[in-house]
Protein backbone atom coordinates (compact mmCIF):
# COMPACT_ATOMS: atom_id res chain seq x y z
CA GLY A 1 0.00 0.00 0.00
CA PHE A 2 1.31 3.44 -0.88
CA ARG A 3 0.19 6.92 -1.82
CA TYR A 4 3.31 8.30 -3.49
CA ALA A 5 6.16 6.82 -5.51
CA GLU A 6 9.54 8.55 -5.89
CA LEU A 7 11.49 8.33 -9.12
CA SER A 8 15.19 9.26 -9.04
CA GLY A 9 18.09 8.95 -11.49
CA TYR A 10 15.82 8.78 -14.52
CA GLY A 11 17.53 10.16 -17.61
CA GLY A 12 14.44 11.17 -19.56
CA THR A 13 11.36 13.21 -18.85
CA PRO A 14 8.81 11.10 -17.00
CA ASP A 15 5.17 11.08 -18.02
CA ALA A 16 2.12 9.16 -16.89
CA GLY A 17 3.32 6.02 -18.67
CA THR A 18 6.82 5.91 -17.20
CA LEU A 19 5.84 3.88 -14.15
CA THR A 20 3.43 0.99 -13.91
CA GLY A 21 1.83 0.04 -10.61
CA VAL A 22 1.38 -3.70 -10.15
CA VAL A 23 -1.33 -4.84 -7.74
CA LEU A 24 -0.33 -7.76 -5.51
CA HIS A 25 -2.73 -9.64 -3.27
CA SER A 26 -3.79 -13.18 -2.52
CA ASP A 27 -5.78 -14.85 -5.29
CA MET A 28 -9.40 -14.01 -4.47
CA GLN A 29 -12.24 -14.06 -6.95
CA PRO A 30 -14.91 -11.34 -6.53
CA THR A 31 -18.17 -12.87 -5.33
CA GLY A 32 -20.30 -9.94 -4.17
CA SER A 33 -21.01 -6.40 -5.27
CA PHE A 34 -22.96 -3.42 -3.99
CA GLU A 35 -24.23 -0.35 -5.81
CA CYS A 36 -26.87 2.22 -4.94
CA SER A 37 -27.99 5.72 -5.95
CA ASP A 38 -25.61 7.45 -3.53
CA PRO A 39 -22.16 8.02 -5.11
CA LEU A 40 -20.52 8.42 -1.69
CA LEU A 41 -21.72 5.00 -0.55
CA ASN A 42 -20.58 3.51 -3.83
CA GLN A 43 -17.15 5.07 -3.30
CA LEU A 44 -17.10 3.69 0.25
CA GLN A 45 -17.73 0.18 -1.07
CA HIS A 46 -15.03 0.70 -3.69
CA ASN A 47 -12.59 1.75 -0.96
CA ILE A 48 -13.50 -1.30 1.14
CA GLU A 49 -12.81 -3.64 -1.76
CA TRP A 50 -9.40 -2.09 -2.43
CA GLY A 51 -8.66 -1.98 1.29
CA GLN A 52 -9.28 -5.71 1.35
CA ARG A 53 -6.96 -6.30 -1.60
CA GLY A 54 -4.21 -4.26 0.04
CA ASN A 55 -4.55 -6.07 3.35
CA PHE A 56 -4.97 -9.62 2.03
CA VAL A 57 -1.43 -10.48 0.99
CA ASP A 58 -1.11 -14.02 2.40
CA VAL A 59 -2.13 -12.69 5.86
CA PRO A 60 -5.14 -10.53 6.83
CA THR A 61 -3.26 -7.43 7.99
CA ASP A 62 -4.36 -4.26 9.77
CA CYS A 63 -3.08 -1.80 7.16
CA PRO A 64 -0.56 -2.29 4.36
CA GLN A 65 1.40 0.97 4.36
CA ARG A 66 3.26 1.21 7.68
CA ASP A 67 4.46 -0.75 10.71
CA GLU A 68 1.02 -2.30 11.27
CA ARG A 69 1.62 -4.91 8.57
CA LEU A 70 0.74 -7.70 10.97
CA GLY A 71 -2.07 -10.23 11.08
CA TRP A 72 -4.00 -8.51 13.86
CA THR A 73 -6.63 -10.97 15.00
CA GLY A 74 -9.07 -8.31 16.14
CA ASP A 75 -9.18 -6.81 12.65
CA ALA A 76 -9.60 -10.24 11.07
CA GLN A 77 -12.59 -11.25 13.19
CA VAL A 78 -14.32 -7.89 12.65
CA PHE A 79 -13.87 -7.94 8.88
CA VAL A 80 -14.18 -11.62 8.00
CA ARG A 81 -17.91 -11.48 7.19
CA THR A 82 -17.49 -8.50 4.89
CA ALA A 83 -14.45 -10.14 3.32
CA ALA A 84 -16.54 -13.19 2.45
CA PHE A 85 -19.19 -10.99 0.84
CA ASN A 86 -16.70 -9.23 -1.42
CA PHE A 87 -14.42 -12.12 -2.41
CA ASP A 88 -14.05 -15.89 -2.19
CA VAL A 89 -11.91 -16.15 0.97
CA ALA A 90 -12.66 -19.75 1.94
CA GLY A 91 -9.14 -20.97 1.26
CA PHE A 92 -7.54 -17.79 2.55
CA PHE A 93 -9.14 -17.95 6.01
CA SER A 94 -9.06 -21.75 6.27
CA ARG A 95 -5.28 -21.54 5.93
CA TRP A 96 -5.12 -18.62 8.36
CA ALA A 97 -7.14 -20.57 10.95
CA ARG A 98 -4.39 -23.19 10.81
CA ASP A 99 -1.85 -20.43 11.37
CA ALA A 100 -3.84 -19.32 14.41
CA GLU A 101 -3.59 -22.81 15.88
CA ASP A 102 0.15 -22.84 15.16
CA ALA A 103 0.48 -19.56 17.09
CA GLN A 104 -1.64 -20.75 20.03
CA SER A 105 0.14 -20.66 23.38
CA PRO A 106 0.72 -23.85 25.40
CA ALA A 107 -2.00 -22.65 27.78
CA GLY A 108 -4.49 -22.36 24.90
CA ALA A 109 -4.56 -18.60 24.25
CA TYR A 110 -4.53 -17.12 20.77
CA PRO A 111 -2.21 -14.11 20.33
CA MET A 112 -3.13 -10.65 19.08
CA THR A 113 -1.27 -11.22 15.81
CA VAL A 114 -1.13 -14.35 13.64
CA PRO A 115 1.60 -15.19 12.78
CA ASN A 116 3.02 -13.94 16.06
CA PRO A 117 6.42 -12.27 15.55
CA VAL A 118 6.62 -10.96 19.13
CA ALA A 119 6.87 -14.42 20.66
CA SER A 120 9.21 -15.73 17.97
CA THR A 121 11.68 -12.87 18.43
CA ALA A 122 11.84 -13.04 22.22
CA ARG A 123 15.20 -14.87 21.86
CA GLY A 124 14.64 -17.05 24.86
CA GLY A 125 13.80 -14.15 27.15
CA PRO A 126 10.51 -13.55 28.97
CA VAL A 127 7.56 -13.13 26.63
CA PRO A 128 4.95 -10.58 27.77
CA ALA A 129 1.51 -11.99 28.49
CA SER A 130 0.03 -9.75 25.79
CA ALA A 131 2.22 -11.52 23.20
CA LEU A 132 0.63 -14.88 24.01
CA ASP A 133 -2.95 -13.85 24.88
CA GLY A 134 -4.53 -11.40 22.48
CA GLY A 135 -7.29 -10.57 24.93
CA PRO A 136 -11.02 -10.07 24.35
CA ALA A 137 -12.13 -9.68 20.70
CA TRP A 138 -8.58 -10.28 19.43
CA ALA A 139 -7.93 -13.78 20.76
CA ASP A 140 -11.58 -14.72 20.16
CA ALA A 141 -10.85 -14.58 16.43
CA GLY A 142 -9.64 -18.17 16.84
CA VAL A 143 -13.28 -19.20 17.27
CA ILE A 144 -15.18 -16.42 15.48
CA VAL A 145 -13.31 -16.64 12.17
CA PRO A 146 -13.75 -20.41 11.60
CA TRP A 147 -17.41 -20.15 12.63
CA THR A 148 -18.01 -17.25 10.21
CA ILE A 149 -16.33 -19.10 7.35
CA TYR A 150 -18.56 -22.07 8.12
CA LEU A 151 -21.65 -19.83 7.99
CA CYS A 152 -20.57 -18.42 4.64
CA TYR A 153 -19.41 -21.61 2.93
CA GLY A 154 -20.95 -24.50 4.86
CA ASP A 155 -17.56 -26.16 5.35
CA ALA A 156 -17.98 -28.23 8.51
CA GLY A 157 -14.59 -29.79 7.80
CA LEU A 158 -12.89 -26.57 8.86
CA LEU A 159 -14.67 -26.73 12.21
CA ALA A 160 -13.65 -30.35 12.68
CA GLU A 161 -10.02 -29.57 11.89
CA ARG A 162 -9.85 -26.65 14.32
CA TYR A 163 -12.17 -28.06 16.99
CA SER A 164 -9.53 -29.22 19.47
CA SER A 165 -7.76 -25.87 19.15
CA MET A 166 -10.96 -23.88 19.74
CA ARG A 167 -11.85 -26.08 22.69
CA ARG A 168 -8.43 -25.53 24.28
CA TYR A 169 -8.98 -21.80 23.91
CA VAL A 170 -12.37 -21.77 25.63
CA GLU A 171 -10.94 -23.98 28.38
CA PHE A 172 -8.19 -21.38 28.79
CA LEU A 173 -10.84 -18.68 29.20
CA ASN A 174 -12.63 -20.77 31.81
CA GLU A 175 -9.44 -21.46 33.73
CA THR A 176 -8.32 -17.82 33.76
CA SER A 177 -11.72 -16.39 34.66
CA ARG A 178 -13.05 -15.92 38.18
CA ASP A 179 -16.66 -16.73 38.96
CA GLY A 180 -17.35 -16.68 35.23
CA LEU A 181 -15.86 -13.20 34.80
CA ARG A 182 -13.06 -12.74 32.28
CA CYS A 183 -10.47 -9.99 32.69
CA TYR A 184 -11.71 -9.16 36.19
CA GLU A 185 -10.31 -6.07 37.88
CA ASP A 186 -7.20 -7.55 39.52
CA TYR A 187 -6.49 -10.17 36.84
CA GLU A 188 -2.72 -10.41 36.46
CA GLY A 189 -2.75 -11.36 32.76
CA TRP A 190 -3.43 -9.21 29.72
CA ARG A 191 -6.88 -7.59 30.01
CA GLY A 192 -7.01 -6.58 26.36
CA TYR A 193 -7.45 -3.34 24.48
CA GLY A 194 -10.89 -2.64 25.90
CA ASP A 195 -13.40 -0.75 23.78
CA TRP A 196 -10.81 0.06 21.15
CA LEU A 197 -11.27 3.33 19.24
CA ALA A 198 -14.39 4.17 21.24
CA LEU A 199 -15.85 7.63 20.78
CA ASP A 200 -15.35 8.28 24.50
CA GLY A 201 -11.73 7.12 24.36
CA SER A 202 -8.77 9.31 25.22
CA THR A 203 -5.59 9.68 23.17
CA ASP A 204 -4.63 6.07 23.97
CA HIS A 205 -7.75 4.88 22.08
CA PHE A 206 -9.18 3.06 25.11
CA GLY A 207 -12.85 3.69 25.82
CA ASN A 208 -14.44 3.86 29.24
CA THR A 209 -16.32 0.56 28.95
CA SER A 210 -15.35 -1.96 31.62
CA LYS A 211 -12.77 -4.47 30.39
CA GLU A 212 -14.41 -7.03 32.66
CA LEU A 213 -17.72 -6.48 30.87
CA LEU A 214 -16.15 -6.77 27.42
CA GLY A 215 -14.06 -9.77 28.37
CA THR A 216 -16.97 -11.63 29.91
CA ALA A 217 -19.21 -10.85 26.91
CA PHE A 218 -16.66 -12.35 24.52
CA PHE A 219 -16.10 -15.28 26.87
CA ALA A 220 -19.82 -16.00 26.66
CA HIS A 221 -19.86 -15.48 22.90
CA SER A 222 -16.94 -17.82 22.19
CA SER A 223 -18.40 -20.42 24.57
CA HIS A 224 -21.78 -20.22 22.83
CA LEU A 225 -20.16 -20.60 19.40
CA LEU A 226 -18.09 -23.56 20.57
CA ALA A 227 -21.24 -25.23 21.88
CA LYS A 228 -22.87 -24.84 18.47
CA ILE A 229 -19.72 -26.07 16.75
CA ALA A 230 -19.68 -29.15 19.01
CA GLY A 231 -23.30 -29.81 18.08
């Protein structure tokens, strides 16, 4: 992803045909389209489609133009349903769900990025809890993404392949919760990003919503999905 390109050392006089931009993204066939009478909404949909192309280069990244080129799990689980509307992403996310299991911690937590470069570059030193447990909404992508792909494509095989991994994750949530509450006030592990980018958030992007409330809500949601997957 880029906005500008710099050309230096060129002997001639550049014109519009001097440079050619080549679009690179994972092989995804368009499957859905949207158009209405409002040109701004049409442009929004156009931007979403190109945002997906730019962020789907082997890994579902946050944004393709700076140091956020990581497979942030929170972004993936928020966008997966839209992604499946725009393009055929069955293979893309089925492979990524396997990556999520590969990145799962021994305790069962999914990290905030998949693949997880933070843990792999710790060089034998202590790994922060946030590198191993992505926290509410981020780590829950390990359950939400496979379930959403199943809803979109009817592939129960994906659920079967990832079932033991998803079960280990929900068991991790149960073991690290207290009285059914996830990310309770004095929890010593990573409590997550909270209500990220909330309108009432300060400059650190955290909203005022209780992290215990958010964590417990996602604990319930992932547990409910796993129950349906088991069925």
